[in-house]
Amino acid sequence: MAAAKDERRPPNKRAAAAPKRAGGFRVKRVYEPAVESDGLRVLVDRLWPRGLTKEKARIDLWLKELAPSDALRRLVHSDPAKWPEFITAYGRELQQEPALTAAARLGERLRRQPITLLYGARNETRNNAVALKHWLERKK
């Protein structure tokens, strides 16, 4: 009887849907260990992370072009309450070159593998990689 009940359940739509792309965007602090599921590891900070060697960081690509300007970086670090202002200004920067070309380059790579956006900031919820991920996902 239980088997018949299971057969009448609607199929799981998530399991049945074919993925449209090979990967997705993820965000991770660069100081966390690299794992295979990270896919392409892309540093999106303008500055190299302090105290981290290239070997330990295991960064595949460093796209400084997608990092916020120095002025914006300082704005959000000096006053976290200015996060909404940062998001708006950063979005404007991302809509200009060379950021547009770098973002398109990432979009092409995303079709083949997952991409982990790496950042060095201590704040795990309010940093440029989180903002960039949301911007990139809206652009798709």
C-alpha atoms as a PDB file:
ATOM      1  CA  MET A   1       0.000   0.000   0.000  1.00  0.00           C
ATOM      2  CA  ALA A   2       2.813   2.402   0.846  1.00  0.00           C
ATOM      3  CA  ALA A   3       4.439   1.798  -2.525  1.00  0.00           C
ATOM      4  CA  ALA A   4       1.254   2.792  -4.326  1.00  0.00           C
ATOM      5  CA  LYS A   5       1.074   5.946  -2.245  1.00  0.00           C
ATOM      6  CA  ASP A   6       4.624   6.918  -3.301  1.00  0.00           C
ATOM      7  CA  GLU A   7       3.803   6.387  -6.977  1.00  0.00           C
ATOM      8  CA  ARG A   8       0.989   8.937  -6.773  1.00  0.00           C
ATOM      9  CA  ARG A   9       3.254  11.697  -5.470  1.00  0.00           C
ATOM     10  CA  PRO A  10       4.126  14.368  -8.027  1.00  0.00           C
ATOM     11  CA  PRO A  11       7.710  14.133  -9.240  1.00  0.00           C
ATOM     12  CA  ASN A  12      10.276  16.380  -7.631  1.00  0.00           C
ATOM     13  CA  LYS A  13      10.586  19.269 -10.089  1.00  0.00           C
ATOM     14  CA  ARG A  14      14.069  20.204  -8.902  1.00  0.00           C
ATOM     15  CA  ALA A  15      15.414  16.709  -9.469  1.00  0.00           C
ATOM     16  CA  ALA A  16      13.749  16.413 -12.878  1.00  0.00           C
ATOM     17  CA  ALA A  17      14.863  19.779 -14.253  1.00  0.00           C
ATOM     18  CA  ALA A  18      18.029  19.670 -16.317  1.00  0.00           C
ATOM     19  CA  PRO A  19      20.627  22.216 -15.254  1.00  0.00           C
ATOM     20  CA  LYS A  20      20.996  25.110 -17.667  1.00  0.00           C
ATOM     21  CA  ARG A  21      24.687  25.620 -16.942  1.00  0.00           C
ATOM     22  CA  ALA A  22      27.564  23.614 -15.589  1.00  0.00           C
ATOM     23  CA  GLY A  23      28.164  25.753 -12.538  1.00  0.00           C
ATOM     24  CA  GLY A  24      27.061  28.644 -10.438  1.00  0.00           C
ATOM     25  CA  PHE A  25      28.639  31.524  -8.616  1.00  0.00           C
ATOM     26  CA  ARG A  26      29.817  30.935  -5.065  1.00  0.00           C
ATOM     27  CA  VAL A  27      31.469  33.263  -2.580  1.00  0.00           C
ATOM     28  CA  LYS A  28      34.267  32.286  -0.241  1.00  0.00           C
ATOM     29  CA  ARG A  29      36.864  33.971   1.920  1.00  0.00           C
ATOM     30  CA  VAL A  30      40.268  33.487   0.282  1.00  0.00           C
ATOM     31  CA  TYR A  31      41.764  32.347   3.602  1.00  0.00           C
ATOM     32  CA  GLU A  32      39.505  29.270   3.696  1.00  0.00           C
ATOM     33  CA  PRO A  33      41.051  26.089   2.268  1.00  0.00           C
ATOM     34  CA  ALA A  34      40.472  25.364  -1.402  1.00  0.00           C
ATOM     35  CA  VAL A  35      38.311  22.353  -2.237  1.00  0.00           C
ATOM     36  CA  GLU A  36      37.611  20.594  -5.530  1.00  0.00           C
ATOM     37  CA  SER A  37      33.988  21.813  -5.610  1.00  0.00           C
ATOM     38  CA  ASP A  38      35.189  25.444  -5.732  1.00  0.00           C
ATOM     39  CA  GLY A  39      35.654  25.105  -9.468  1.00  0.00           C
ATOM     40  CA  LEU A  40      37.406  28.158 -10.904  1.00  0.00           C
ATOM     41  CA  ARG A  41      38.783  30.228  -8.014  1.00  0.00           C
ATOM     42  CA  VAL A  42      38.683  33.932  -8.891  1.00  0.00           C
ATOM     43  CA  LEU A  43      40.093  36.652  -6.643  1.00  0.00           C
ATOM     44  CA  VAL A  44      37.942  39.775  -7.023  1.00  0.00           C
ATOM     45  CA  ASP A  45      39.898  42.106  -4.733  1.00  0.00           C
ATOM     46  CA  ARG A  46      42.156  44.875  -5.958  1.00  0.00           C
ATOM     47  CA  LEU A  47      44.798  44.049  -3.333  1.00  0.00           C
ATOM     48  CA  TRP A  48      46.512  40.716  -2.728  1.00  0.00           C
ATOM     49  CA  PRO A  49      45.381  39.161   0.600  1.00  0.00           C
ATOM     50  CA  ARG A  50      47.806  39.784   3.455  1.00  0.00           C
ATOM     51  CA  GLY A  51      50.038  36.959   4.561  1.00  0.00           C
ATOM     52  CA  LEU A  52      48.821  34.538   1.897  1.00  0.00           C
ATOM     53  CA  THR A  53      51.197  32.857  -0.543  1.00  0.00           C
ATOM     54  CA  LYS A  54      50.177  32.121  -4.120  1.00  0.00           C
ATOM     55  CA  GLU A  55      50.555  28.409  -3.481  1.00  0.00           C
ATOM     56  CA  LYS A  56      48.303  28.430  -0.437  1.00  0.00           C
ATOM     57  CA  ALA A  57      45.669  30.688  -2.026  1.00  0.00           C
ATOM     58  CA  ARG A  58      45.287  28.437  -5.098  1.00  0.00           C
ATOM     59  CA  ILE A  59      43.840  31.266  -7.164  1.00  0.00           C
ATOM     60  CA  ASP A  60      43.145  30.437 -10.810  1.00  0.00           C
ATOM     61  CA  LEU A  61      42.355  33.966 -11.944  1.00  0.00           C
ATOM     62  CA  TRP A  62      42.786  37.427 -10.425  1.00  0.00           C
ATOM     63  CA  LEU A  63      40.270  39.865 -11.881  1.00  0.00           C
ATOM     64  CA  LYS A  64      41.168  43.233 -10.391  1.00  0.00           C
ATOM     65  CA  GLU A  65      38.851  44.745 -13.014  1.00  0.00           C
ATOM     66  CA  LEU A  66      35.862  43.469 -11.007  1.00  0.00           C
ATOM     67  CA  ALA A  67      37.066  44.932  -7.721  1.00  0.00           C
ATOM     68  CA  PRO A  68      35.538  48.164  -6.453  1.00  0.00           C
ATOM     69  CA  SER A  69      37.566  51.338  -6.749  1.00  0.00           C
ATOM     70  CA  ASP A  70      39.821  52.225  -3.862  1.00  0.00           C
ATOM     71  CA  ALA A  71      37.442  55.008  -2.781  1.00  0.00           C
ATOM     72  CA  LEU A  72      34.475  52.598  -2.611  1.00  0.00           C
ATOM     73  CA  ARG A  73      36.495  49.954  -0.799  1.00  0.00           C
ATOM     74  CA  ARG A  74      37.490  52.492   1.840  1.00  0.00           C
ATOM     75  CA  LEU A  75      33.916  53.784   2.118  1.00  0.00           C
ATOM     76  CA  VAL A  76      32.437  50.442   3.103  1.00  0.00           C
ATOM     77  CA  HIS A  77      35.344  49.477   5.354  1.00  0.00           C
ATOM     78  CA  SER A  78      35.248  52.767   7.262  1.00  0.00           C
ATOM     79  CA  ASP A  79      31.469  52.780   7.760  1.00  0.00           C
ATOM     80  CA  PRO A  80      29.512  49.523   7.310  1.00  0.00           C
ATOM     81  CA  ALA A  81      26.266  51.533   7.563  1.00  0.00           C
ATOM     82  CA  LYS A  82      27.051  52.851   4.074  1.00  0.00           C
ATOM     83  CA  TRP A  83      26.511  49.392   2.555  1.00  0.00           C
ATOM     84  CA  PRO A  84      23.453  50.473   0.478  1.00  0.00           C
ATOM     85  CA  GLU A  85      25.431  53.425  -0.881  1.00  0.00           C
ATOM     86  CA  PHE A  86      28.316  51.065  -1.689  1.00  0.00           C
ATOM     87  CA  ILE A  87      26.027  48.646  -3.567  1.00  0.00           C
ATOM     88  CA  THR A  88      24.639  51.423  -5.765  1.00  0.00           C
ATOM     89  CA  ALA A  89      28.017  52.965  -6.567  1.00  0.00           C
ATOM     90  CA  TYR A  90      29.650  49.566  -7.130  1.00  0.00           C
ATOM     91  CA  GLY A  91      26.869  48.625  -9.548  1.00  0.00           C
ATOM     92  CA  ARG A  92      27.640  51.767 -11.565  1.00  0.00           C
ATOM     93  CA  GLU A  93      31.340  50.852 -11.661  1.00  0.00           C
ATOM     94  CA  LEU A  94      30.527  47.320 -12.845  1.00  0.00           C
ATOM     95  CA  GLN A  95      28.558  48.692 -15.789  1.00  0.00           C
ATOM     96  CA  GLN A  96      31.676  50.324 -17.232  1.00  0.00           C
ATOM     97  CA  GLU A  97      34.834  48.985 -18.843  1.00  0.00           C
ATOM     98  CA  PRO A  98      36.975  47.115 -17.992  1.00  0.00           C
ATOM     99  CA  ALA A  99      34.501  45.477 -15.574  1.00  0.00           C
ATOM    100  CA  LEU A 100      31.975  44.639 -18.319  1.00  0.00           C
ATOM    101  CA  THR A 101      34.533  42.671 -20.321  1.00  0.00           C
ATOM    102  CA  ALA A 102      35.751  40.837 -17.206  1.00  0.00           C
ATOM    103  CA  ALA A 103      32.164  39.956 -16.230  1.00  0.00           C
ATOM    104  CA  ALA A 104      31.468  38.618 -19.726  1.00  0.00           C
ATOM    105  CA  ARG A 105      34.608  36.519 -19.462  1.00  0.00           C
ATOM    106  CA  LEU A 106      33.322  35.007 -16.214  1.00  0.00           C
ATOM    107  CA  GLY A 107      29.926  34.332 -17.761  1.00  0.00           C
ATOM    108  CA  GLU A 108      31.565  32.277 -20.495  1.00  0.00           C
ATOM    109  CA  ARG A 109      33.525  30.257 -17.955  1.00  0.00           C
ATOM    110  CA  LEU A 110      30.386  29.694 -15.853  1.00  0.00           C
ATOM    111  CA  ARG A 111      28.909  27.576 -18.639  1.00  0.00           C
ATOM    112  CA  ARG A 112      31.716  25.054 -18.143  1.00  0.00           C
ATOM    113  CA  GLN A 113      32.279  25.007 -14.384  1.00  0.00           C
ATOM    114  CA  PRO A 114      31.321  26.538 -11.053  1.00  0.00           C
ATOM    115  CA  ILE A 115      33.056  29.782 -10.121  1.00  0.00           C
ATOM    116  CA  THR A 116      34.047  30.775  -6.602  1.00  0.00           C
ATOM    117  CA  LEU A 117      34.493  34.496  -6.075  1.00  0.00           C
ATOM    118  CA  LEU A 118      37.228  35.007  -3.487  1.00  0.00           C
ATOM    119  CA  TYR A 119      37.543  37.985  -1.164  1.00  0.00           C
ATOM    120  CA  GLY A 120      39.805  38.905   1.731  1.00  0.00           C
ATOM    121  CA  ALA A 121      37.485  41.033   3.914  1.00  0.00           C
ATOM    122  CA  ARG A 122      36.567  39.847   7.393  1.00  0.00           C
ATOM    123  CA  ASN A 123      32.863  40.586   6.979  1.00  0.00           C
ATOM    124  CA  GLU A 124      31.347  37.511   5.336  1.00  0.00           C
ATOM    125  CA  THR A 125      28.000  39.077   4.456  1.00  0.00           C
ATOM    126  CA  ARG A 126      28.939  42.597   3.387  1.00  0.00           C
ATOM    127  CA  ASN A 127      31.877  42.522   1.023  1.00  0.00           C
ATOM    128  CA  ASN A 128      32.482  43.175  -2.651  1.00  0.00           C
ATOM    129  CA  ALA A 129      32.325  39.478  -3.615  1.00  0.00           C
ATOM    130  CA  VAL A 130      28.799  39.138  -2.185  1.00  0.00           C
ATOM    131  CA  ALA A 131      27.713  42.301  -4.010  1.00  0.00           C
ATOM    132  CA  LEU A 132      29.404  41.126  -7.218  1.00  0.00           C
ATOM    133  CA  LYS A 133      27.724  37.704  -7.060  1.00  0.00           C
ATOM    134  CA  HIS A 134      24.279  39.320  -6.813  1.00  0.00           C
ATOM    135  CA  TRP A 135      25.099  41.711  -9.665  1.00  0.00           C
ATOM    136  CA  LEU A 136      26.379  38.882 -11.889  1.00  0.00           C
ATOM    137  CA  GLU A 137      23.307  36.732 -11.179  1.00  0.00           C
ATOM    138  CA  ARG A 138      20.977  39.596 -12.138  1.00  0.00           C
ATOM    139  CA  LYS A 139      22.920  40.097 -15.399  1.00  0.00           C
ATOM    140  CA  LYS A 140      22.310  36.509 -16.566  1.00  0.00           C
END
